[in-house]
PDB file of N, CA and C in Angstrom:
ATOM      1  N   UNK A   1      10.486  -3.997 113.370  1.00  0.00           N
ATOM      2  CA  UNK A   1       9.160  -4.458 113.000  1.00  0.00           C
ATOM      3  C   UNK A   1       8.399  -4.864 114.264  1.00  0.00           C
ATOM      4  N   UNK A   2       7.192  -4.403 114.390  1.00  0.00           N
ATOM      5  CA  UNK A   2       6.377  -4.681 115.560  1.00  0.00           C
ATOM      6  C   UNK A   2       5.593  -5.976 115.339  1.00  0.00           C
ATOM      7  N   UNK A   3       5.684  -6.891 116.302  1.00  0.00           N
ATOM      8  CA  UNK A   3       4.932  -8.135 116.202  1.00  0.00           C
ATOM      9  C   UNK A   3       3.577  -7.945 116.858  1.00  0.00           C
ATOM     10  N   UNK A   4       2.581  -8.479 116.234  1.00  0.00           N
ATOM     11  CA  UNK A   4       1.225  -8.354 116.728  1.00  0.00           C
ATOM     12  C   UNK A   4       0.907  -9.488 117.688  1.00  0.00           C
ATOM     13  N   UNK A   5       0.438  -9.140 118.864  1.00  0.00           N
ATOM     14  CA  UNK A   5       0.028 -10.123 119.856  1.00  0.00           C
ATOM     15  C   UNK A   5      -1.489 -10.097 119.996  1.00  0.00           C
ATOM     16  N   UNK A   6      -2.061 -11.255 120.194  1.00  0.00           N
ATOM     17  CA  UNK A   6      -3.507 -11.406 120.333  1.00  0.00           C
ATOM     18  C   UNK A   6      -3.782 -11.963 121.723  1.00  0.00           C
ATOM     19  N   UNK A   7      -4.801 -11.431 122.384  1.00  0.00           N
ATOM     20  CA  UNK A   7      -5.205 -11.980 123.676  1.00  0.00           C
ATOM     21  C   UNK A   7      -6.699 -12.306 123.640  1.00  0.00           C
ATOM     22  N   UNK A   8      -7.194 -12.769 124.764  1.00  0.00           N
ATOM     23  CA  UNK A   8      -8.579 -13.202 124.901  1.00  0.00           C
ATOM     24  C   UNK A   8      -9.566 -12.091 124.532  1.00  0.00           C
ATOM     25  N   UNK A   9      -9.331 -10.889 125.036  1.00  0.00           N
ATOM     26  CA  UNK A   9     -10.249  -9.776 124.780  1.00  0.00           C
ATOM     27  C   UNK A   9     -10.308  -9.424 123.294  1.00  0.00           C
ATOM     28  N   UNK A  10      -9.178  -9.531 122.608  1.00  0.00           N
ATOM     29  CA  UNK A  10      -9.152  -9.249 121.173  1.00  0.00           C
ATOM     30  C   UNK A  10     -10.035 -10.227 120.404  1.00  0.00           C
ATOM     31  N   UNK A  11      -9.965 -11.495 120.782  1.00  0.00           N
ATOM     32  CA  UNK A  11     -10.777 -12.502 120.091  1.00  0.00           C
ATOM     33  C   UNK A  11     -12.268 -12.313 120.371  1.00  0.00           C
ATOM     34  N   UNK A  12     -12.603 -11.952 121.602  1.00  0.00           N
ATOM     35  CA  UNK A  12     -14.010 -11.686 121.929  1.00  0.00           C
ATOM     36  C   UNK A  12     -14.504 -10.477 121.126  1.00  0.00           C
ATOM     37  N   UNK A  13     -13.653  -9.462 120.992  1.00  0.00           N
ATOM     38  CA  UNK A  13     -14.022  -8.274 120.219  1.00  0.00           C
ATOM     39  C   UNK A  13     -14.212  -8.605 118.736  1.00  0.00           C
ATOM     40  N   UNK A  14     -13.532  -9.642 118.259  1.00  0.00           N
ATOM     41  CA  UNK A  14     -13.691 -10.063 116.866  1.00  0.00           C
ATOM     42  C   UNK A  14     -14.964 -10.881 116.648  1.00  0.00           C
ATOM     43  N   UNK A  15     -15.627 -11.281 117.743  1.00  0.00           N
ATOM     44  CA  UNK A  15     -16.889 -11.979 117.606  1.00  0.00           C
ATOM     45  C   UNK A  15     -16.883 -13.417 118.094  1.00  0.00           C
ATOM     46  N   UNK A  16     -15.765 -13.876 118.630  1.00  0.00           N
ATOM     47  CA  UNK A  16     -15.728 -15.223 119.181  1.00  0.00           C
ATOM     48  C   UNK A  16     -16.421 -15.224 120.536  1.00  0.00           C
ATOM     49  N   UNK A  17     -17.035 -16.343 120.872  1.00  0.00           N
ATOM     50  CA  UNK A  17     -17.634 -16.493 122.192  1.00  0.00           C
ATOM     51  C   UNK A  17     -16.511 -16.635 123.210  1.00  0.00           C
ATOM     52  N   UNK A  18     -16.760 -16.252 124.472  1.00  0.00           N
ATOM     53  CA  UNK A  18     -15.687 -16.290 125.481  1.00  0.00           C
ATOM     54  C   UNK A  18     -14.987 -17.642 125.608  1.00  0.00           C
ATOM     55  N   UNK A  19     -15.734 -18.727 125.629  1.00  0.00           N
ATOM     56  CA  UNK A  19     -15.090 -20.035 125.749  1.00  0.00           C
ATOM     57  C   UNK A  19     -14.272 -20.378 124.512  1.00  0.00           C
ATOM     58  N   UNK A  20     -14.756 -20.000 123.339  1.00  0.00           N
ATOM     59  CA  UNK A  20     -13.990 -20.229 122.119  1.00  0.00           C
ATOM     60  C   UNK A  20     -12.682 -19.446 122.157  1.00  0.00           C
ATOM     61  N   UNK A  21     -12.757 -18.208 122.612  1.00  0.00           N
ATOM     62  CA  UNK A  21     -11.562 -17.365 122.681  1.00  0.00           C
ATOM     63  C   UNK A  21     -10.535 -17.963 123.640  1.00  0.00           C
ATOM     64  N   UNK A  22     -10.990 -18.427 124.780  1.00  0.00           N
ATOM     65  CA  UNK A  22     -10.067 -19.044 125.745  1.00  0.00           C
ATOM     66  C   UNK A  22      -9.437 -20.307 125.162  1.00  0.00           C
ATOM     67  N   UNK A  23     -10.220 -21.098 124.465  1.00  0.00           N
ATOM     68  CA  UNK A  23      -9.705 -22.328 123.861  1.00  0.00           C
ATOM     69  C   UNK A  23      -8.685 -22.020 122.770  1.00  0.00           C
ATOM     70  N   UNK A  24      -8.946 -21.003 121.974  1.00  0.00           N
ATOM     71  CA  UNK A  24      -8.010 -20.626 120.918  1.00  0.00           C
ATOM     72  C   UNK A  24      -6.686 -20.174 121.524  1.00  0.00           C
ATOM     73  N   UNK A  25      -6.735 -19.345 122.567  1.00  0.00           N
ATOM     74  CA  UNK A  25      -5.513 -18.881 123.231  1.00  0.00           C
ATOM     75  C   UNK A  25      -4.772 -20.073 123.841  1.00  0.00           C
ATOM     76  N   UNK A  26      -5.492 -20.967 124.475  1.00  0.00           N
ATOM     77  CA  UNK A  26      -4.877 -22.148 125.094  1.00  0.00           C
ATOM     78  C   UNK A  26      -4.183 -23.010 124.044  1.00  0.00           C
ATOM     79  N   UNK A  27      -4.849 -23.233 122.909  1.00  0.00           N
ATOM     80  CA  UNK A  27      -4.254 -24.040 121.848  1.00  0.00           C
ATOM     81  C   UNK A  27      -3.060 -23.341 121.208  1.00  0.00           C
ATOM     82  N   UNK A  28      -3.131 -22.030 121.090  1.00  0.00           N
ATOM     83  CA  UNK A  28      -2.010 -21.277 120.528  1.00  0.00           C
ATOM     84  C   UNK A  28      -0.804 -21.347 121.465  1.00  0.00           C
ATOM     85  N   UNK A  29      -1.036 -21.299 122.768  1.00  0.00           N
ATOM     86  CA  UNK A  29       0.053 -21.433 123.728  1.00  0.00           C
ATOM     87  C   UNK A  29       0.697 -22.809 123.618  1.00  0.00           C
ATOM     88  N   UNK A  30      -0.114 -23.848 123.469  1.00  0.00           N
ATOM     89  CA  UNK A  30       0.425 -25.200 123.304  1.00  0.00           C
ATOM     90  C   UNK A  30       1.239 -25.299 122.022  1.00  0.00           C
ATOM     91  N   UNK A  31       0.750 -24.684 120.960  1.00  0.00           N
ATOM     92  CA  UNK A  31       1.460 -24.689 119.681  1.00  0.00           C
ATOM     93  C   UNK A  31       2.809 -23.994 119.806  1.00  0.00           C
ATOM     94  N   UNK A  32       2.838 -22.846 120.473  1.00  0.00           N
ATOM     95  CA  UNK A  32       4.087 -22.110 120.630  1.00  0.00           C
ATOM     96  C   UNK A  32       5.073 -22.887 121.510  1.00  0.00           C
ATOM     97  N   UNK A  33       4.591 -23.529 122.553  1.00  0.00           N
ATOM     98  CA  UNK A  33       5.464 -24.335 123.408  1.00  0.00           C
ATOM     99  C   UNK A  33       6.028 -25.517 122.626  1.00  0.00           C
ATOM    100  N   UNK A  34       5.198 -26.094 121.787  1.00  0.00           N
ATOM    101  CA  UNK A  34       5.629 -27.224 120.955  1.00  0.00           C
ATOM    102  C   UNK A  34       6.692 -26.795 119.943  1.00  0.00           C
ATOM    103  N   UNK A  35       6.619 -25.549 119.490  1.00  0.00           N
ATOM    104  CA  UNK A  35       7.591 -25.033 118.529  1.00  0.00           C
ATOM    105  C   UNK A  35       8.909 -24.655 119.194  1.00  0.00           C
ATOM    106  N   UNK A  36       8.984 -24.760 120.507  1.00  0.00           N
ATOM    107  CA  UNK A  36      10.242 -24.508 121.191  1.00  0.00           C
ATOM    108  C   UNK A  36      10.303 -23.219 121.974  1.00  0.00           C
ATOM    109  N   UNK A  37       9.169 -22.647 122.306  1.00  0.00           N
ATOM    110  CA  UNK A  37       9.118 -21.438 123.118  1.00  0.00           C
ATOM    111  C   UNK A  37       8.530 -21.785 124.479  1.00  0.00           C
ATOM    112  N   UNK A  38       9.373 -22.213 125.440  1.00  0.00           N
ATOM    113  CA  UNK A  38       8.851 -22.667 126.737  1.00  0.00           C
ATOM    114  C   UNK A  38       8.181 -21.562 127.552  1.00  0.00           C
ATOM    115  N   UNK A  39       8.404 -20.318 127.188  1.00  0.00           N
ATOM    116  CA  UNK A  39       7.744 -19.202 127.865  1.00  0.00           C
ATOM    117  C   UNK A  39       6.229 -19.376 127.869  1.00  0.00           C
ATOM    118  N   UNK A  40       5.687 -19.952 126.807  1.00  0.00           N
ATOM    119  CA  UNK A  40       4.236 -20.091 126.673  1.00  0.00           C
ATOM    120  C   UNK A  40       3.667 -21.232 127.508  1.00  0.00           C
ATOM    121  N   UNK A  41       4.514 -21.961 128.237  1.00  0.00           N
ATOM    122  CA  UNK A  41       4.020 -22.962 129.182  1.00  0.00           C
ATOM    123  C   UNK A  41       3.492 -22.307 130.447  1.00  0.00           C
ATOM    124  N   UNK A  42       3.801 -21.032 130.648  1.00  0.00           N
ATOM    125  CA  UNK A  42       3.381 -20.322 131.855  1.00  0.00           C
ATOM    126  C   UNK A  42       1.877 -20.156 131.937  1.00  0.00           C
ATOM    127  N   UNK A  43       1.384 -20.275 133.143  1.00  0.00           N
ATOM    128  CA  UNK A  43      -0.054 -20.185 133.377  1.00  0.00           C
ATOM    129  C   UNK A  43      -0.587 -18.771 133.181  1.00  0.00           C
ATOM    130  N   UNK A  44       0.242 -17.777 133.472  1.00  0.00           N
ATOM    131  CA  UNK A  44      -0.229 -16.393 133.447  1.00  0.00           C
ATOM    132  C   UNK A  44       0.003 -15.688 132.119  1.00  0.00           C
ATOM    133  N   UNK A  45       0.524 -16.386 131.148  1.00  0.00           N
ATOM    134  CA  UNK A  45       0.754 -15.788 129.832  1.00  0.00           C
ATOM    135  C   UNK A  45      -0.587 -15.762 129.102  1.00  0.00           C
ATOM    136  N   UNK A  46      -1.020 -14.573 128.683  1.00  0.00           N
ATOM    137  CA  UNK A  46      -2.328 -14.451 128.063  1.00  0.00           C
ATOM    138  C   UNK A  46      -2.304 -13.930 126.642  1.00  0.00           C
ATOM    139  N   UNK A  47      -1.139 -13.556 126.139  1.00  0.00           N
ATOM    140  CA  UNK A  47      -1.034 -13.043 124.774  1.00  0.00           C
ATOM    141  C   UNK A  47      -0.152 -13.969 123.956  1.00  0.00           C
ATOM    142  N   UNK A  48      -0.588 -14.216 122.742  1.00  0.00           N
ATOM    143  CA  UNK A  48       0.167 -15.078 121.835  1.00  0.00           C
ATOM    144  C   UNK A  48       0.345 -14.356 120.511  1.00  0.00           C
ATOM    145  N   UNK A  49       1.365 -14.716 119.740  1.00  0.00           N
ATOM    146  CA  UNK A  49       1.566 -14.079 118.444  1.00  0.00           C
ATOM    147  C   UNK A  49       0.379 -14.330 117.503  1.00  0.00           C
ATOM    148  N   UNK A  50       0.116 -13.360 116.664  1.00  0.00           N
ATOM    149  CA  UNK A  50      -1.022 -13.447 115.754  1.00  0.00           C
ATOM    150  C   UNK A  50      -0.890 -14.620 114.797  1.00  0.00           C
ATOM    151  N   UNK A  51       0.350 -14.950 114.401  1.00  0.00           N
ATOM    152  CA  UNK A  51       0.493 -16.046 113.451  1.00  0.00           C
ATOM    153  C   UNK A  51       0.113 -17.391 114.065  1.00  0.00           C
ATOM    154  N   UNK A  52       0.257 -17.542 115.387  1.00  0.00           N
ATOM    155  CA  UNK A  52      -0.168 -18.779 116.043  1.00  0.00           C
ATOM    156  C   UNK A  52      -1.693 -18.886 116.033  1.00  0.00           C
ATOM    157  N   UNK A  53      -2.357 -17.764 116.268  1.00  0.00           N
ATOM    158  CA  UNK A  53      -3.824 -17.758 116.209  1.00  0.00           C
ATOM    159  C   UNK A  53      -4.288 -17.985 114.772  1.00  0.00           C
ATOM    160  N   UNK A  54      -3.561 -17.442 113.807  1.00  0.00           N
ATOM    161  CA  UNK A  54      -3.897 -17.635 112.397  1.00  0.00           C
ATOM    162  C   UNK A  54      -3.811 -19.101 112.001  1.00  0.00           C
ATOM    163  N   UNK A  55      -2.800 -19.807 112.518  1.00  0.00           N
ATOM    164  CA  UNK A  55      -2.657 -21.225 112.208  1.00  0.00           C
ATOM    165  C   UNK A  55      -3.827 -22.037 112.748  1.00  0.00           C
ATOM    166  N   UNK A  56      -4.378 -21.619 113.862  1.00  0.00           N
ATOM    167  CA  UNK A  56      -5.480 -22.359 114.482  1.00  0.00           C
ATOM    168  C   UNK A  56      -6.822 -22.004 113.843  1.00  0.00           C
ATOM    169  N   UNK A  57      -7.076 -20.713 113.659  1.00  0.00           N
ATOM    170  CA  UNK A  57      -8.386 -20.281 113.180  1.00  0.00           C
ATOM    171  C   UNK A  57      -8.480 -20.181 111.667  1.00  0.00           C
ATOM    172  N   UNK A  58      -7.362 -19.965 111.007  1.00  0.00           N
ATOM    173  CA  UNK A  58      -7.390 -19.773 109.561  1.00  0.00           C
ATOM    174  C   UNK A  58      -7.636 -18.328 109.168  1.00  0.00           C
ATOM    175  N   UNK A  59      -7.774 -17.440 110.154  1.00  0.00           N
ATOM    176  CA  UNK A  59      -7.965 -16.021 109.885  1.00  0.00           C
ATOM    177  C   UNK A  59      -6.612 -15.338 109.766  1.00  0.00           C
ATOM    178  N   UNK A  60      -6.540 -14.301 108.944  1.00  0.00           N
ATOM    179  CA  UNK A  60      -5.289 -13.551 108.864  1.00  0.00           C
ATOM    180  C   UNK A  60      -5.448 -12.260 109.647  1.00  0.00           C
ATOM    181  N   UNK A  61      -4.401 -11.909 110.384  1.00  0.00           N
ATOM    182  CA  UNK A  61      -4.400 -10.701 111.188  1.00  0.00           C
ATOM    183  C   UNK A  61      -3.335  -9.773 110.646  1.00  0.00           C
ATOM    184  N   UNK A  62      -3.699  -8.517 110.505  1.00  0.00           N
ATOM    185  CA  UNK A  62      -2.709  -7.523 110.094  1.00  0.00           C
ATOM    186  C   UNK A  62      -2.736  -6.406 111.120  1.00  0.00           C
ATOM    187  N   UNK A  63      -1.609  -5.773 111.307  1.00  0.00           N
ATOM    188  CA  UNK A  63      -1.498  -4.695 112.285  1.00  0.00           C
ATOM    189  C   UNK A  63      -1.998  -3.407 111.645  1.00  0.00           C
ATOM    190  N   UNK A  64      -3.230  -3.044 111.938  1.00  0.00           N
ATOM    191  CA  UNK A  64      -3.831  -1.864 111.340  1.00  0.00           C
ATOM    192  C   UNK A  64      -3.469  -0.594 112.089  1.00  0.00           C
ATOM    193  N   UNK A  65      -2.781  -0.727 113.235  1.00  0.00           N
ATOM    194  CA  UNK A  65      -2.406   0.450 114.000  1.00  0.00           C
ATOM    195  C   UNK A  65      -1.200   1.147 113.399  1.00  0.00           C
ATOM    196  N   UNK A  66      -0.388   0.416 112.650  1.00  0.00           N
ATOM    197  CA  UNK A  66       0.757   1.027 112.014  1.00  0.00           C
ATOM    198  C   UNK A  66       0.331   1.595 110.670  1.00  0.00           C
ATOM    199  N   UNK A  67       0.288   2.880 110.570  1.00  0.00           N
ATOM    200  CA  UNK A  67      -0.104   3.514 109.333  1.00  0.00           C
ATOM    201  C   UNK A  67       1.066   3.673 108.399  1.00  0.00           C
ATOM    202  N   UNK A  68       0.816   4.317 107.291  1.00  0.00           N
ATOM    203  CA  UNK A  68       1.860   4.551 106.329  1.00  0.00           C
ATOM    204  C   UNK A  68       2.660   5.806 106.622  1.00  0.00           C
ATOM    205  N   UNK A  69       2.727   6.207 107.852  1.00  0.00           N
ATOM    206  CA  UNK A  69       3.453   7.428 108.245  1.00  0.00           C
ATOM    207  C   UNK A  69       4.927   7.223 108.173  1.00  0.00           C
TER     208      UNK A  69
END
């Protein structure tokens, strides 16, 4: 199963303002680190799992790239 990752550019493409997108990614990284994933404490990590962004924004993300093939 492929896990969906969200980054800053994805959020901007969805219509968030750049500062909002950066804040959402930053908060998602803090959430993931708090859940026990110290990898997300890194400064250069820019992608977070979609479910972490969903918890913050309340939006649901589905992987539309995987078709029914």
